[in-house]
Amino acid sequence: MAHTDDRDRSFMQQAIGQAMLARQAGEVPVGAVVVLGEAIVGLGYNRSIASHDPSAHAEMIAIRDAAARLGNYRLPGCELFVTLEPCAMCAGVIQHARIARVVFAASDPKTGVCGSVIDLFAIGSLSHHATVQGGVMAEEAGSLLRAFFAERRHAQRGARARDTEDAA
């Protein structure tokens, strides 16, 4: 599998498109695509809030989509492009699905397990090791996340202010 910067950016742009769909749905704007060769075989964005499902992360949705489309729970040779560094739950599924390569945009210093908090893919005793590359279009993906959380904080401050006025 040849990996070029332009190719990675192209697929990450598709993942960012998925993240924008999440944001439009009121979800944390994280998107993911699963790629086999040059074809996108799985799409996903965060749906935890709408589906009342803590496991409905973008990676999980994209991997489920790819597995259904390919008719296999194993996804050897596939790559996952995701706008935020995967968490432990998603890394576990990535390992079980046998994803060959993970490319993420923004690091997650609180829950990221591809080097930020821990690097699960570097633990030799685990049965599968995806190669990992971070920082592809990190600024674009990070900007989406920062804007989302800034809007959420602003809305919460407004709600607190209204509650204070109503109590007065």
N, C-alpha and C. Protein backbone atom coordinates (compact mmCIF):
# COMPACT_ATOMS: atom_id res chain seq x y z
N MET A 1 0.83 -1.18 0.00
CA MET A 1 0.00 0.00 0.00
C MET A 1 0.88 1.24 0.00
N ALA A 2 0.82 2.01 -1.03
CA ALA A 2 1.57 3.27 -1.09
C ALA A 2 0.77 4.33 -0.33
N HIS A 3 1.44 5.11 0.47
CA HIS A 3 0.78 6.15 1.25
C HIS A 3 1.42 7.48 0.92
N THR A 4 0.65 8.33 0.30
CA THR A 4 1.16 9.65 -0.03
C THR A 4 0.46 10.68 0.82
N ASP A 5 1.10 11.80 1.01
CA ASP A 5 0.48 12.87 1.77
C ASP A 5 -0.84 13.30 1.14
N ASP A 6 -0.86 13.42 -0.20
CA ASP A 6 -2.09 13.84 -0.89
C ASP A 6 -3.20 12.80 -0.69
N ARG A 7 -2.84 11.54 -0.77
CA ARG A 7 -3.82 10.47 -0.58
C ARG A 7 -4.39 10.52 0.84
N ASP A 8 -3.51 10.63 1.82
CA ASP A 8 -3.97 10.69 3.21
C ASP A 8 -4.86 11.91 3.43
N ARG A 9 -4.47 13.03 2.90
CA ARG A 9 -5.29 14.25 3.06
C ARG A 9 -6.64 14.08 2.38
N SER A 10 -6.66 13.44 1.23
CA SER A 10 -7.92 13.23 0.52
C SER A 10 -8.90 12.39 1.34
N PHE A 11 -8.40 11.29 1.91
CA PHE A 11 -9.28 10.46 2.73
C PHE A 11 -9.63 11.14 4.05
N MET A 12 -8.68 11.90 4.62
CA MET A 12 -9.00 12.62 5.85
C MET A 12 -10.05 13.69 5.59
N GLN A 13 -10.02 14.29 4.41
CA GLN A 13 -11.05 15.27 4.07
C GLN A 13 -12.43 14.61 4.07
N GLN A 14 -12.50 13.37 3.63
CA GLN A 14 -13.77 12.62 3.67
C GLN A 14 -14.20 12.39 5.13
N ALA A 15 -13.24 12.08 5.99
CA ALA A 15 -13.53 11.90 7.41
C ALA A 15 -14.02 13.21 8.03
N ILE A 16 -13.40 14.32 7.63
CA ILE A 16 -13.84 15.64 8.12
C ILE A 16 -15.27 15.92 7.65
N GLY A 17 -15.60 15.52 6.44
CA GLY A 17 -16.98 15.64 5.96
C GLY A 17 -17.95 14.89 6.86
N GLN A 18 -17.55 13.70 7.31
CA GLN A 18 -18.38 12.94 8.24
C GLN A 18 -18.49 13.67 9.59
N ALA A 19 -17.39 14.27 10.03
CA ALA A 19 -17.41 15.03 11.28
C ALA A 19 -18.38 16.20 11.19
N MET A 20 -18.44 16.82 10.04
CA MET A 20 -19.39 17.93 9.84
C MET A 20 -20.83 17.44 9.94
N LEU A 21 -21.09 16.24 9.45
CA LEU A 21 -22.44 15.66 9.60
C LEU A 21 -22.76 15.44 11.08
N ALA A 22 -21.77 15.00 11.84
CA ALA A 22 -21.97 14.82 13.29
C ALA A 22 -22.33 16.15 13.94
N ARG A 23 -21.58 17.18 13.58
CA ARG A 23 -21.83 18.51 14.16
C ARG A 23 -23.24 18.99 13.82
N GLN A 24 -23.65 18.80 12.56
CA GLN A 24 -25.00 19.20 12.16
C GLN A 24 -26.07 18.47 12.96
N ALA A 25 -25.75 17.25 13.39
CA ALA A 25 -26.69 16.44 14.16
C ALA A 25 -26.60 16.73 15.66
N GLY A 26 -25.72 17.68 16.05
CA GLY A 26 -25.57 18.01 17.46
C GLY A 26 -24.65 17.07 18.21
N GLU A 27 -23.91 16.28 17.50
CA GLU A 27 -22.97 15.33 18.10
C GLU A 27 -21.56 15.94 18.12
N VAL A 28 -20.69 15.39 18.96
CA VAL A 28 -19.29 15.81 18.95
C VAL A 28 -18.75 15.52 17.55
N PRO A 29 -18.16 16.53 16.89
CA PRO A 29 -17.79 16.39 15.48
C PRO A 29 -16.54 15.53 15.23
N VAL A 30 -16.76 14.23 15.24
CA VAL A 30 -15.71 13.27 14.90
C VAL A 30 -16.25 12.41 13.77
N GLY A 31 -15.42 12.23 12.74
CA GLY A 31 -15.82 11.43 11.59
C GLY A 31 -14.73 10.43 11.24
N ALA A 32 -15.14 9.38 10.54
CA ALA A 32 -14.19 8.33 10.17
C ALA A 32 -14.59 7.70 8.85
N VAL A 33 -13.57 7.22 8.13
CA VAL A 33 -13.80 6.42 6.93
C VAL A 33 -12.85 5.23 6.96
N VAL A 34 -13.34 4.09 6.48
CA VAL A 34 -12.51 2.90 6.31
C VAL A 34 -12.23 2.77 4.82
N VAL A 35 -10.97 2.55 4.50
CA VAL A 35 -10.52 2.50 3.11
C VAL A 35 -9.88 1.15 2.83
N LEU A 36 -10.23 0.57 1.69
CA LEU A 36 -9.58 -0.63 1.20
C LEU A 36 -9.03 -0.31 -0.18
N GLY A 37 -7.72 -0.29 -0.30
CA GLY A 37 -7.10 0.14 -1.55
C GLY A 37 -7.34 1.62 -1.76
N GLU A 38 -8.10 1.93 -2.79
CA GLU A 38 -8.43 3.34 -3.06
C GLU A 38 -9.92 3.62 -2.87
N ALA A 39 -10.66 2.64 -2.31
CA ALA A 39 -12.10 2.78 -2.16
C ALA A 39 -12.50 2.94 -0.70
N ILE A 40 -13.43 3.84 -0.46
CA ILE A 40 -14.02 3.97 0.88
C ILE A 40 -15.06 2.87 1.01
N VAL A 41 -14.89 2.03 2.03
CA VAL A 41 -15.81 0.91 2.24
C VAL A 41 -16.62 1.06 3.53
N GLY A 42 -16.33 2.09 4.31
CA GLY A 42 -17.08 2.33 5.53
C GLY A 42 -17.08 3.80 5.89
N LEU A 43 -18.22 4.29 6.33
CA LEU A 43 -18.38 5.69 6.72
C LEU A 43 -18.98 5.75 8.12
N GLY A 44 -18.58 6.75 8.88
CA GLY A 44 -19.19 6.89 10.19
C GLY A 44 -18.90 8.23 10.82
N TYR A 45 -19.81 8.64 11.67
CA TYR A 45 -19.61 9.81 12.50
C TYR A 45 -20.26 9.56 13.85
N ASN A 46 -19.84 10.34 14.85
CA ASN A 46 -20.36 10.13 16.20
C ASN A 46 -21.88 10.18 16.21
N ARG A 47 -22.47 9.21 16.91
CA ARG A 47 -23.93 9.13 17.05
C ARG A 47 -24.33 8.74 18.46
N SER A 48 -23.44 8.91 19.41
CA SER A 48 -23.71 8.47 20.78
C SER A 48 -24.93 9.16 21.39
N ILE A 49 -25.07 10.45 21.18
CA ILE A 49 -26.16 11.20 21.79
C ILE A 49 -27.50 10.77 21.19
N ALA A 50 -27.61 10.80 19.89
CA ALA A 50 -28.88 10.48 19.23
C ALA A 50 -29.30 9.03 19.43
N SER A 51 -28.33 8.13 19.46
CA SER A 51 -28.66 6.71 19.57
C SER A 51 -28.65 6.21 21.01
N HIS A 52 -28.33 7.11 21.97
CA HIS A 52 -28.24 6.72 23.38
C HIS A 52 -27.32 5.51 23.53
N ASP A 53 -26.18 5.59 22.85
CA ASP A 53 -25.26 4.46 22.79
C ASP A 53 -23.83 4.96 23.00
N PRO A 54 -23.25 4.69 24.16
CA PRO A 54 -21.90 5.17 24.41
C PRO A 54 -20.85 4.57 23.48
N SER A 55 -21.19 3.49 22.79
CA SER A 55 -20.22 2.88 21.86
C SER A 55 -20.35 3.41 20.43
N ALA A 56 -21.26 4.32 20.18
CA ALA A 56 -21.50 4.80 18.82
C ALA A 56 -20.52 5.90 18.41
N HIS A 57 -19.24 5.61 18.59
CA HIS A 57 -18.19 6.53 18.13
C HIS A 57 -18.02 6.39 16.62
N ALA A 58 -17.45 7.42 16.01
CA ALA A 58 -17.27 7.44 14.55
C ALA A 58 -16.54 6.20 14.05
N GLU A 59 -15.48 5.81 14.75
CA GLU A 59 -14.70 4.64 14.32
C GLU A 59 -15.55 3.38 14.34
N MET A 60 -16.33 3.22 15.40
CA MET A 60 -17.17 2.04 15.55
C MET A 60 -18.20 1.96 14.42
N ILE A 61 -18.82 3.10 14.12
CA ILE A 61 -19.84 3.14 13.07
C ILE A 61 -19.20 2.82 11.72
N ALA A 62 -18.05 3.42 11.42
CA ALA A 62 -17.37 3.19 10.15
C ALA A 62 -16.90 1.74 10.02
N ILE A 63 -16.38 1.17 11.09
CA ILE A 63 -15.92 -0.22 11.04
C ILE A 63 -17.11 -1.17 10.88
N ARG A 64 -18.20 -0.91 11.58
CA ARG A 64 -19.42 -1.73 11.41
C ARG A 64 -19.91 -1.65 9.96
N ASP A 65 -19.89 -0.45 9.40
CA ASP A 65 -20.33 -0.25 8.02
C ASP A 65 -19.43 -1.04 7.06
N ALA A 66 -18.13 -0.94 7.25
CA ALA A 66 -17.19 -1.65 6.37
C ALA A 66 -17.36 -3.16 6.50
N ALA A 67 -17.50 -3.65 7.72
CA ALA A 67 -17.66 -5.09 7.93
C ALA A 67 -18.93 -5.60 7.25
N ALA A 68 -20.01 -4.82 7.34
CA ALA A 68 -21.26 -5.23 6.69
C ALA A 68 -21.11 -5.21 5.17
N ARG A 69 -20.50 -4.16 4.65
CA ARG A 69 -20.33 -4.07 3.20
C ARG A 69 -19.42 -5.16 2.64
N LEU A 70 -18.36 -5.49 3.40
CA LEU A 70 -17.40 -6.49 2.93
C LEU A 70 -17.78 -7.91 3.33
N GLY A 71 -18.78 -8.02 4.19
CA GLY A 71 -19.25 -9.34 4.60
C GLY A 71 -18.25 -10.10 5.45
N ASN A 72 -17.50 -9.36 6.29
CA ASN A 72 -16.49 -10.01 7.12
C ASN A 72 -16.24 -9.15 8.35
N TYR A 73 -16.14 -9.78 9.49
CA TYR A 73 -15.81 -9.01 10.70
C TYR A 73 -14.34 -8.67 10.78
N ARG A 74 -13.54 -9.29 9.99
CA ARG A 74 -12.12 -8.97 9.88
C ARG A 74 -11.94 -8.05 8.67
N LEU A 75 -11.11 -7.04 8.82
CA LEU A 75 -10.89 -6.06 7.76
C LEU A 75 -9.40 -5.95 7.43
N PRO A 76 -8.76 -7.07 7.10
CA PRO A 76 -7.32 -7.01 6.80
C PRO A 76 -7.05 -6.15 5.57
N GLY A 77 -5.98 -5.39 5.64
CA GLY A 77 -5.63 -4.52 4.53
C GLY A 77 -6.35 -3.20 4.52
N CYS A 78 -7.31 -3.03 5.41
CA CYS A 78 -8.07 -1.77 5.46
C CYS A 78 -7.33 -0.74 6.31
N GLU A 79 -7.61 0.51 6.00
CA GLU A 79 -7.09 1.66 6.74
C GLU A 79 -8.26 2.42 7.32
N LEU A 80 -8.04 2.99 8.49
CA LEU A 80 -9.05 3.82 9.14
C LEU A 80 -8.52 5.24 9.22
N PHE A 81 -9.27 6.17 8.67
CA PHE A 81 -8.97 7.60 8.76
C PHE A 81 -10.00 8.20 9.70
N VAL A 82 -9.54 8.85 10.77
CA VAL A 82 -10.44 9.39 11.77
C VAL A 82 -9.94 10.76 12.22
N THR A 83 -10.87 11.65 12.51
CA THR A 83 -10.50 13.03 12.79
C THR A 83 -9.98 13.26 14.20
N LEU A 84 -10.15 12.28 15.09
CA LEU A 84 -9.65 12.40 16.46
C LEU A 84 -8.98 11.09 16.85
N GLU A 85 -7.88 11.19 17.55
CA GLU A 85 -7.16 10.02 18.02
C GLU A 85 -8.11 9.05 18.73
N PRO A 86 -8.10 7.78 18.36
CA PRO A 86 -9.02 6.81 18.96
C PRO A 86 -8.84 6.63 20.46
N CYS A 87 -9.95 6.29 21.12
CA CYS A 87 -9.97 5.96 22.53
C CYS A 87 -9.69 4.46 22.69
N ALA A 88 -9.63 3.99 23.92
CA ALA A 88 -9.33 2.58 24.19
C ALA A 88 -10.39 1.64 23.60
N MET A 89 -11.66 2.02 23.71
CA MET A 89 -12.72 1.18 23.17
C MET A 89 -12.55 1.01 21.67
N CYS A 90 -12.34 2.11 20.98
CA CYS A 90 -12.20 2.05 19.52
C CYS A 90 -10.92 1.33 19.12
N ALA A 91 -9.84 1.53 19.88
CA ALA A 91 -8.59 0.83 19.57
C ALA A 91 -8.78 -0.67 19.69
N GLY A 92 -9.57 -1.11 20.66
CA GLY A 92 -9.85 -2.54 20.80
C GLY A 92 -10.55 -3.09 19.58
N VAL A 93 -11.53 -2.37 19.08
CA VAL A 93 -12.25 -2.82 17.88
C VAL A 93 -11.33 -2.78 16.66
N ILE A 94 -10.49 -1.76 16.57
CA ILE A 94 -9.53 -1.67 15.47
C ILE A 94 -8.63 -2.91 15.48
N GLN A 95 -8.18 -3.30 16.66
CA GLN A 95 -7.32 -4.48 16.76
C GLN A 95 -8.09 -5.75 16.40
N HIS A 96 -9.29 -5.92 16.91
CA HIS A 96 -10.07 -7.12 16.62
C HIS A 96 -10.46 -7.22 15.15
N ALA A 97 -10.69 -6.08 14.51
CA ALA A 97 -11.04 -6.08 13.08
C ALA A 97 -9.81 -6.27 12.19
N ARG A 98 -8.63 -6.18 12.78
CA ARG A 98 -7.37 -6.35 12.05
C ARG A 98 -7.13 -5.22 11.03
N ILE A 99 -7.55 -4.01 11.41
CA ILE A 99 -7.26 -2.84 10.58
C ILE A 99 -5.74 -2.72 10.46
N ALA A 100 -5.25 -2.50 9.26
CA ALA A 100 -3.80 -2.47 9.02
C ALA A 100 -3.16 -1.14 9.42
N ARG A 101 -3.90 -0.06 9.23
CA ARG A 101 -3.30 1.27 9.43
C ARG A 101 -4.36 2.22 9.95
N VAL A 102 -3.97 3.05 10.91
CA VAL A 102 -4.84 4.08 11.47
C VAL A 102 -4.17 5.43 11.21
N VAL A 103 -4.93 6.34 10.62
CA VAL A 103 -4.46 7.70 10.38
C VAL A 103 -5.45 8.61 11.10
N PHE A 104 -4.94 9.41 12.05
CA PHE A 104 -5.84 10.32 12.75
C PHE A 104 -5.36 11.75 12.58
N ALA A 105 -6.28 12.67 12.79
CA ALA A 105 -5.97 14.10 12.64
C ALA A 105 -5.52 14.68 13.98
N ALA A 106 -6.45 15.03 14.83
CA ALA A 106 -6.14 15.70 16.09
C ALA A 106 -5.83 14.69 17.19
N SER A 107 -4.83 15.02 17.99
CA SER A 107 -4.51 14.20 19.17
C SER A 107 -5.56 14.46 20.24
N ASP A 108 -5.74 13.47 21.12
CA ASP A 108 -6.67 13.60 22.23
C ASP A 108 -5.91 13.38 23.53
N PRO A 109 -5.48 14.47 24.17
CA PRO A 109 -4.65 14.34 25.37
C PRO A 109 -5.36 13.74 26.58
N LYS A 110 -6.69 13.60 26.52
CA LYS A 110 -7.43 13.06 27.66
C LYS A 110 -7.73 11.57 27.51
N THR A 111 -8.04 11.12 26.30
CA THR A 111 -8.43 9.72 26.13
C THR A 111 -7.76 9.02 24.96
N GLY A 112 -6.85 9.68 24.27
CA GLY A 112 -6.20 9.09 23.09
C GLY A 112 -5.24 7.98 23.45
N VAL A 113 -5.36 6.86 22.75
CA VAL A 113 -4.50 5.71 23.06
C VAL A 113 -3.58 5.33 21.89
N CYS A 114 -3.29 6.30 21.04
CA CYS A 114 -2.32 6.10 19.95
C CYS A 114 -1.08 6.94 20.22
N GLY A 115 -0.78 7.16 21.49
CA GLY A 115 0.41 7.89 21.87
C GLY A 115 0.18 9.02 22.85
N SER A 116 -1.04 9.55 22.95
CA SER A 116 -1.26 10.69 23.85
C SER A 116 -1.27 10.28 25.31
N VAL A 117 -2.15 9.36 25.69
CA VAL A 117 -2.22 8.88 27.07
C VAL A 117 -1.39 7.61 27.20
N ILE A 118 -1.56 6.74 26.24
CA ILE A 118 -0.85 5.47 26.15
C ILE A 118 -0.83 5.11 24.66
N ASP A 119 0.02 4.19 24.27
CA ASP A 119 0.03 3.72 22.89
C ASP A 119 -0.29 2.23 22.89
N LEU A 120 -1.58 1.92 22.78
CA LEU A 120 -2.00 0.52 22.80
C LEU A 120 -1.44 -0.27 21.63
N PHE A 121 -1.21 0.38 20.52
CA PHE A 121 -0.72 -0.33 19.34
C PHE A 121 0.76 -0.68 19.45
N ALA A 122 1.44 -0.15 20.45
CA ALA A 122 2.86 -0.44 20.65
C ALA A 122 3.09 -1.54 21.68
N ILE A 123 2.02 -2.03 22.30
CA ILE A 123 2.16 -3.08 23.31
C ILE A 123 2.37 -4.41 22.60
N GLY A 124 3.57 -4.94 22.75
CA GLY A 124 3.98 -6.14 22.01
C GLY A 124 3.17 -7.38 22.30
N SER A 125 2.60 -7.51 23.50
CA SER A 125 1.87 -8.72 23.85
C SER A 125 0.47 -8.78 23.25
N LEU A 126 -0.02 -7.68 22.70
CA LEU A 126 -1.32 -7.70 22.03
C LEU A 126 -1.20 -8.40 20.69
N SER A 127 -2.29 -9.00 20.25
CA SER A 127 -2.22 -9.88 19.08
C SER A 127 -2.15 -9.18 17.73
N HIS A 128 -2.55 -7.94 17.66
CA HIS A 128 -2.54 -7.26 16.36
C HIS A 128 -1.99 -5.85 16.55
N HIS A 129 -1.20 -5.42 15.59
CA HIS A 129 -0.59 -4.10 15.68
C HIS A 129 -0.80 -3.33 14.38
N ALA A 130 -1.71 -2.37 14.42
CA ALA A 130 -1.88 -1.48 13.28
C ALA A 130 -0.75 -0.47 13.28
N THR A 131 -0.36 -0.03 12.11
CA THR A 131 0.55 1.11 12.07
C THR A 131 -0.29 2.36 12.28
N VAL A 132 0.30 3.36 12.90
CA VAL A 132 -0.46 4.55 13.28
C VAL A 132 0.29 5.79 12.82
N GLN A 133 -0.46 6.72 12.26
CA GLN A 133 0.09 8.02 11.89
C GLN A 133 -0.88 9.09 12.36
N GLY A 134 -0.38 10.04 13.09
CA GLY A 134 -1.22 11.13 13.59
C GLY A 134 -0.85 12.45 12.98
N GLY A 135 -1.73 13.42 13.14
CA GLY A 135 -1.46 14.78 12.74
C GLY A 135 -1.85 15.15 11.32
N VAL A 136 -2.50 14.26 10.58
CA VAL A 136 -2.91 14.56 9.20
C VAL A 136 -4.14 15.47 9.26
N MET A 137 -3.99 16.69 8.84
CA MET A 137 -5.05 17.71 8.86
C MET A 137 -5.53 17.99 10.29
N ALA A 138 -4.59 17.96 11.21
CA ALA A 138 -4.91 18.16 12.63
C ALA A 138 -5.56 19.51 12.89
N GLU A 139 -5.09 20.56 12.25
CA GLU A 139 -5.64 21.89 12.51
C GLU A 139 -7.11 21.97 12.08
N GLU A 140 -7.42 21.43 10.92
CA GLU A 140 -8.80 21.47 10.43
C GLU A 140 -9.74 20.71 11.36
N ALA A 141 -9.34 19.49 11.74
CA ALA A 141 -10.17 18.68 12.62
C ALA A 141 -10.25 19.29 14.02
N GLY A 142 -9.13 19.79 14.50
CA GLY A 142 -9.10 20.43 15.82
C GLY A 142 -9.97 21.67 15.88
N SER A 143 -9.99 22.43 14.80
CA SER A 143 -10.83 23.63 14.74
C SER A 143 -12.30 23.29 14.87
N LEU A 144 -12.73 22.22 14.21
CA LEU A 144 -14.13 21.77 14.32
C LEU A 144 -14.47 21.44 15.77
N LEU A 145 -13.59 20.71 16.42
CA LEU A 145 -13.82 20.32 17.81
C LEU A 145 -13.83 21.53 18.73
N ARG A 146 -12.85 22.42 18.57
CA ARG A 146 -12.79 23.61 19.43
C ARG A 146 -14.04 24.48 19.26
N ALA A 147 -14.48 24.67 18.02
CA ALA A 147 -15.68 25.48 17.77
C ALA A 147 -16.91 24.83 18.40
N PHE A 148 -17.02 23.54 18.27
CA PHE A 148 -18.17 22.82 18.84
C PHE A 148 -18.24 23.02 20.36
N PHE A 149 -17.10 22.79 21.03
CA PHE A 149 -17.10 22.90 22.48
C PHE A 149 -17.23 24.34 22.95
N ALA A 150 -16.71 25.30 22.18
CA ALA A 150 -16.90 26.71 22.52
C ALA A 150 -18.39 27.08 22.43
N GLU A 151 -19.05 26.61 21.39
CA GLU A 151 -20.49 26.86 21.25
C GLU A 151 -21.27 26.22 22.39
N ARG A 152 -20.87 25.02 22.76
CA ARG A 152 -21.55 24.31 23.86
C ARG A 152 -21.36 25.08 25.18
N ARG A 153 -20.13 25.55 25.44
CA ARG A 153 -19.88 26.31 26.67
C ARG A 153 -20.69 27.60 26.67
N HIS A 154 -20.75 28.27 25.52
CA HIS A 154 -21.52 29.52 25.40
C HIS A 154 -23.00 29.26 25.69
N ALA A 155 -23.53 28.18 25.14
CA ALA A 155 -24.94 27.85 25.35
C ALA A 155 -25.20 27.53 26.83
N GLN A 156 -24.27 26.83 27.47
CA GLN A 156 -24.43 26.51 28.89
C GLN A 156 -24.39 27.76 29.75
N ARG A 157 -23.50 28.71 29.40
CA ARG A 157 -23.45 29.97 30.16
C ARG A 157 -24.75 30.74 29.99
N GLY A 158 -25.28 30.73 28.76
CA GLY A 158 -26.55 31.40 28.52
C GLY A 158 -27.68 30.78 29.30
N ALA A 159 -27.70 29.46 29.38
CA ALA A 159 -28.74 28.76 30.14
C ALA A 159 -28.63 29.07 31.62
N ARG A 160 -27.40 29.12 32.15
CA ARG A 160 -27.20 29.46 33.57
C ARG A 160 -27.66 30.89 33.84
N ALA A 161 -27.37 31.79 32.92
CA ALA A 161 -27.77 33.19 33.09
C ALA A 161 -29.30 33.30 33.10
N ARG A 162 -29.95 32.57 32.21
CA ARG A 162 -31.43 32.59 32.19
C ARG A 162 -32.02 32.01 33.48
N ASP A 163 -31.40 30.93 33.98
CA ASP A 163 -31.86 30.32 35.23
C ASP A 163 -31.71 31.30 36.39
N THR A 164 -30.62 32.07 36.41
CA THR A 164 -30.38 33.06 37.45
C THR A 164 -31.42 34.17 37.37
N GLU A 165 -31.73 34.62 36.14
CA GLU A 165 -32.74 35.67 35.96
C GLU A 165 -34.10 35.17 36.39
N ASP A 166 -34.43 33.94 36.05
CA ASP A 166 -35.74 33.38 36.42
C ASP A 166 -35.89 33.24 37.93
N ALA A 167 -34.78 32.96 38.61
CA ALA A 167 -34.82 32.77 40.06
C ALA A 167 -34.94 34.11 40.80
N ALA A 168 -34.56 35.20 40.13
CA ALA A 168 -34.56 36.51 40.77
C ALA A 168 -35.92 37.14 40.85
